[in-house]
Every structure is written in C-alpha cells, then in structure tokens.
C-alpha cells in the first residue's frame, strides 16, 4: 500500500456565489495529491510523461460530505491499496482538521504517446514491487 498526504488552502477563485468551494474545484486537488504521491513514491508523473507514458482518468467518483470555504486548509490523503498492473485505482479522503469533507476515487490506465493502452514502464513496475510485497 502507498499512502501520501498533501495540503492545499482554498483560494477565493475556487468558491462559488454561495461562498463554498465549487464542486469542480475539488478535481484539481485530487490531481495535486495524485502527482505528489507518485513523486513521494520515487517516480514523478513528469518522469513518466518524459518516458512516453500518460495516465488518463478512466473513472471518477466523488462524494461531498461537508462544504469547504475560502481559506480552509484541506489535507488530501491518497491511497493506492493494490499493486497496479494495467490500471491504477486510487482512493482519496479530504479533511478540514478532523472533519471528513470529501471522499473520492479515480481509476487510471497507462497509455503511450499515440493514445494506445500500454503496460507500465519497467521502472514503474520495479518501484511498485518495492511497495507491494507479494
């Protein structure tokens, strides 16, 4: 299992006319946490792209429990529970202090520069082997 945590502070531009975070503003935060997780695990998303791979989002599920508002500090935990093969399933928890405000999950697949499904690079597979003992 790989777990990583990132922190963001809600910017005014991310709120709507009701003064709460617009529902679509959470999606870039998931991306921040996801890319931080890869970097913290030892292989940045940028490095994967440089090697000719991408990880598009195949599916997204978000449940909004409580609203976030301007200037809140939000901690985003992202968890990779299963060793990825062709697809990667990530789970997220967003918290304001101890309060759970959002849960989410995303599923991704490796593709090559032409947009075709691909196996992950050997460097990625080796790195995952270090984090997931058979």
C-alpha atoms as a PDB file:
ATOM      1  CA  UNK A   1       0.000   0.000   0.000  1.00  0.00           C
ATOM      2  CA  UNK A   2       1.137   3.526  -0.744  1.00  0.00           C
ATOM      3  CA  UNK A   3      -0.324   6.481   1.111  1.00  0.00           C
ATOM      4  CA  UNK A   4       0.547  10.127   0.639  1.00  0.00           C
ATOM      5  CA  UNK A   5      -0.787  13.381   2.058  1.00  0.00           C
ATOM      6  CA  UNK A   6      -0.892  16.844   0.533  1.00  0.00           C
ATOM      7  CA  UNK A   7      -2.233  20.122   1.858  1.00  0.00           C
ATOM      8  CA  UNK A   8      -3.912  22.960  -0.004  1.00  0.00           C
ATOM      9  CA  UNK A   9      -5.530  26.196   1.126  1.00  0.00           C
ATOM     10  CA  UNK A  10      -8.821  27.131  -0.512  1.00  0.00           C
ATOM     11  CA  UNK A  11      -8.420  30.129  -2.811  1.00  0.00           C
ATOM     12  CA  UNK A  12     -11.207  32.635  -3.290  1.00  0.00           C
ATOM     13  CA  UNK A  13     -11.422  31.799  -7.009  1.00  0.00           C
ATOM     14  CA  UNK A  14     -12.338  28.200  -6.078  1.00  0.00           C
ATOM     15  CA  UNK A  15     -15.546  29.280  -4.340  1.00  0.00           C
ATOM     16  CA  UNK A  16     -18.961  29.883  -5.855  1.00  0.00           C
ATOM     17  CA  UNK A  17     -21.575  32.584  -5.256  1.00  0.00           C
ATOM     18  CA  UNK A  18     -22.736  30.750  -2.120  1.00  0.00           C
ATOM     19  CA  UNK A  19     -19.274  31.189  -0.617  1.00  0.00           C
ATOM     20  CA  UNK A  20     -18.414  27.483  -0.681  1.00  0.00           C
ATOM     21  CA  UNK A  21     -15.932  25.583  -2.828  1.00  0.00           C
ATOM     22  CA  UNK A  22     -17.397  24.931  -6.269  1.00  0.00           C
ATOM     23  CA  UNK A  23     -17.791  21.181  -6.790  1.00  0.00           C
ATOM     24  CA  UNK A  24     -15.454  21.113  -9.797  1.00  0.00           C
ATOM     25  CA  UNK A  25     -12.661  22.775  -7.829  1.00  0.00           C
ATOM     26  CA  UNK A  26     -12.017  19.539  -5.957  1.00  0.00           C
ATOM     27  CA  UNK A  27     -10.804  17.731  -9.079  1.00  0.00           C
ATOM     28  CA  UNK A  28      -7.510  19.653  -9.438  1.00  0.00           C
ATOM     29  CA  UNK A  29      -6.883  18.972  -5.744  1.00  0.00           C
ATOM     30  CA  UNK A  30      -7.136  15.233  -6.436  1.00  0.00           C
ATOM     31  CA  UNK A  31      -4.565  15.707  -9.176  1.00  0.00           C
ATOM     32  CA  UNK A  32      -2.239  17.562  -6.802  1.00  0.00           C
ATOM     33  CA  UNK A  33      -2.444  14.685  -4.319  1.00  0.00           C
ATOM     34  CA  UNK A  34      -2.017  12.065  -7.043  1.00  0.00           C
ATOM     35  CA  UNK A  35       1.081  13.665  -8.560  1.00  0.00           C
ATOM     36  CA  UNK A  36       2.553  14.248  -5.084  1.00  0.00           C
ATOM     37  CA  UNK A  37       2.001  10.553  -4.297  1.00  0.00           C
ATOM     38  CA  UNK A  38       3.925   9.436  -7.381  1.00  0.00           C
ATOM     39  CA  UNK A  39       6.749  11.878  -6.624  1.00  0.00           C
ATOM     40  CA  UNK A  40       6.913  10.770  -2.975  1.00  0.00           C
ATOM     41  CA  UNK A  41       6.953   7.109  -4.061  1.00  0.00           C
ATOM     42  CA  UNK A  42      10.012   7.755  -6.209  1.00  0.00           C
ATOM     43  CA  UNK A  43       8.806   8.396  -9.771  1.00  0.00           C
ATOM     44  CA  UNK A  44       7.188  11.683 -10.727  1.00  0.00           C
ATOM     45  CA  UNK A  45       4.361  11.940 -13.211  1.00  0.00           C
ATOM     46  CA  UNK A  46       6.606  14.268 -15.222  1.00  0.00           C
ATOM     47  CA  UNK A  47       9.205  11.494 -15.489  1.00  0.00           C
ATOM     48  CA  UNK A  48       6.521   9.080 -16.708  1.00  0.00           C
ATOM     49  CA  UNK A  49       5.497  11.583 -19.387  1.00  0.00           C
ATOM     50  CA  UNK A  50       9.134  12.042 -20.420  1.00  0.00           C
ATOM     51  CA  UNK A  51       9.309   8.271 -20.946  1.00  0.00           C
ATOM     52  CA  UNK A  52       6.266   8.440 -23.230  1.00  0.00           C
ATOM     53  CA  UNK A  53       3.500   7.355 -20.832  1.00  0.00           C
ATOM     54  CA  UNK A  54       0.335   9.015 -19.610  1.00  0.00           C
ATOM     55  CA  UNK A  55      -2.289   8.041 -17.031  1.00  0.00           C
ATOM     56  CA  UNK A  56      -5.666   9.424 -18.115  1.00  0.00           C
ATOM     57  CA  UNK A  57      -8.612   9.283 -15.748  1.00  0.00           C
ATOM     58  CA  UNK A  58     -10.952   6.465 -16.772  1.00  0.00           C
ATOM     59  CA  UNK A  59     -13.471   6.955 -13.997  1.00  0.00           C
ATOM     60  CA  UNK A  60     -14.131   9.330 -11.136  1.00  0.00           C
ATOM     61  CA  UNK A  61     -16.425   9.056  -8.141  1.00  0.00           C
ATOM     62  CA  UNK A  62     -16.843  11.912  -5.656  1.00  0.00           C
ATOM     63  CA  UNK A  63     -18.996  12.157  -2.534  1.00  0.00           C
ATOM     64  CA  UNK A  64     -19.353  15.565  -0.918  1.00  0.00           C
ATOM     65  CA  UNK A  65     -19.933  15.257   2.846  1.00  0.00           C
ATOM     66  CA  UNK A  66     -19.386  18.838   4.055  1.00  0.00           C
ATOM     67  CA  UNK A  67     -18.590  22.071   2.202  1.00  0.00           C
ATOM     68  CA  UNK A  68     -15.187  23.698   2.257  1.00  0.00           C
ATOM     69  CA  UNK A  69     -14.983  27.501   2.251  1.00  0.00           C
ATOM     70  CA  UNK A  70     -12.454  30.185   1.403  1.00  0.00           C
ATOM     71  CA  UNK A  71      -9.151  29.971   3.311  1.00  0.00           C
ATOM     72  CA  UNK A  72      -9.814  26.483   4.732  1.00  0.00           C
ATOM     73  CA  UNK A  73      -6.720  24.334   4.968  1.00  0.00           C
ATOM     74  CA  UNK A  74      -7.535  20.972   3.396  1.00  0.00           C
ATOM     75  CA  UNK A  75      -5.487  17.810   3.826  1.00  0.00           C
ATOM     76  CA  UNK A  76      -5.820  15.349   0.957  1.00  0.00           C
ATOM     77  CA  UNK A  77      -4.859  11.737   1.618  1.00  0.00           C
ATOM     78  CA  UNK A  78      -4.497   9.479  -1.410  1.00  0.00           C
ATOM     79  CA  UNK A  79      -4.177   5.716  -1.053  1.00  0.00           C
ATOM     80  CA  UNK A  80      -3.083   3.087  -3.541  1.00  0.00           C
ATOM     81  CA  UNK A  81      -4.193  -0.163  -1.893  1.00  0.00           C
ATOM     82  CA  UNK A  82      -3.493  -2.663  -4.655  1.00  0.00           C
ATOM     83  CA  UNK A  83      -0.416  -3.140  -6.780  1.00  0.00           C
ATOM     84  CA  UNK A  84      -1.201  -1.602 -10.159  1.00  0.00           C
ATOM     85  CA  UNK A  85      -0.836  -3.656 -13.297  1.00  0.00           C
ATOM     86  CA  UNK A  86      -2.557  -2.063 -16.283  1.00  0.00           C
ATOM     87  CA  UNK A  87      -4.980   0.038 -14.258  1.00  0.00           C
ATOM     88  CA  UNK A  88      -4.479   2.096 -11.138  1.00  0.00           C
ATOM     89  CA  UNK A  89      -7.271   2.616  -8.598  1.00  0.00           C
ATOM     90  CA  UNK A  90      -6.771   5.463  -6.102  1.00  0.00           C
ATOM     91  CA  UNK A  91      -8.889   6.454  -3.106  1.00  0.00           C
ATOM     92  CA  UNK A  92      -8.930   9.933  -1.587  1.00  0.00           C
ATOM     93  CA  UNK A  93     -10.054  11.495   1.681  1.00  0.00           C
ATOM     94  CA  UNK A  94     -10.186  15.264   2.036  1.00  0.00           C
ATOM     95  CA  UNK A  95     -10.300  16.642   5.556  1.00  0.00           C
ATOM     96  CA  UNK A  96     -10.559  20.019   7.246  1.00  0.00           C
ATOM     97  CA  UNK A  97      -8.822  19.206  10.512  1.00  0.00           C
ATOM     98  CA  UNK A  98     -10.514  16.031  11.763  1.00  0.00           C
ATOM     99  CA  UNK A  99     -13.658  16.638   9.709  1.00  0.00           C
ATOM    100  CA  UNK A 100     -14.112  14.467   6.610  1.00  0.00           C
ATOM    101  CA  UNK A 101     -15.447  16.688   3.847  1.00  0.00           C
ATOM    102  CA  UNK A 102     -14.996  14.655   0.634  1.00  0.00           C
ATOM    103  CA  UNK A 103     -14.262  11.078  -0.376  1.00  0.00           C
ATOM    104  CA  UNK A 104     -13.337  10.204  -3.931  1.00  0.00           C
ATOM    105  CA  UNK A 105     -11.801   7.559  -6.136  1.00  0.00           C
ATOM    106  CA  UNK A 106     -10.224   7.585  -9.570  1.00  0.00           C
ATOM    107  CA  UNK A 107      -9.199   4.864 -11.949  1.00  0.00           C
ATOM    108  CA  UNK A 108      -6.404   5.340 -14.489  1.00  0.00           C
ATOM    109  CA  UNK A 109      -4.712   3.314 -17.217  1.00  0.00           C
ATOM    110  CA  UNK A 110      -1.336   3.643 -18.883  1.00  0.00           C
ATOM    111  CA  UNK A 111      -1.333   4.798 -22.483  1.00  0.00           C
ATOM    112  CA  UNK A 112       1.516   5.520 -24.884  1.00  0.00           C
ATOM    113  CA  UNK A 113       2.096   8.737 -26.856  1.00  0.00           C
ATOM    114  CA  UNK A 114      -0.297   7.535 -29.572  1.00  0.00           C
ATOM    115  CA  UNK A 115      -3.055   7.055 -27.007  1.00  0.00           C
ATOM    116  CA  UNK A 116      -2.958   3.258 -27.087  1.00  0.00           C
ATOM    117  CA  UNK A 117      -3.247   1.155 -23.909  1.00  0.00           C
ATOM    118  CA  UNK A 118       0.205   0.167 -22.691  1.00  0.00           C
ATOM    119  CA  UNK A 119       1.908  -1.746 -19.955  1.00  0.00           C
ATOM    120  CA  UNK A 120       3.657   0.497 -17.427  1.00  0.00           C
ATOM    121  CA  UNK A 121       7.377   1.077 -17.863  1.00  0.00           C
ATOM    122  CA  UNK A 122       9.748  -1.352 -16.133  1.00  0.00           C
ATOM    123  CA  UNK A 123      10.951   1.404 -13.784  1.00  0.00           C
ATOM    124  CA  UNK A 124       7.376   1.887 -12.546  1.00  0.00           C
ATOM    125  CA  UNK A 125       6.810  -1.866 -12.156  1.00  0.00           C
ATOM    126  CA  UNK A 126      10.059  -2.212 -10.197  1.00  0.00           C
ATOM    127  CA  UNK A 127       9.118   0.698  -7.952  1.00  0.00           C
ATOM    128  CA  UNK A 128       5.698  -0.825  -7.230  1.00  0.00           C
ATOM    129  CA  UNK A 129       7.372  -4.124  -6.341  1.00  0.00           C
ATOM    130  CA  UNK A 130       9.170  -2.303  -3.529  1.00  0.00           C
ATOM    131  CA  UNK A 131       5.885  -1.034  -2.082  1.00  0.00           C
ATOM    132  CA  UNK A 132       3.767  -4.153  -2.588  1.00  0.00           C
ATOM    133  CA  UNK A 133       5.273  -7.325  -1.212  1.00  0.00           C
ATOM    134  CA  UNK A 134       3.716 -10.456  -2.798  1.00  0.00           C
END
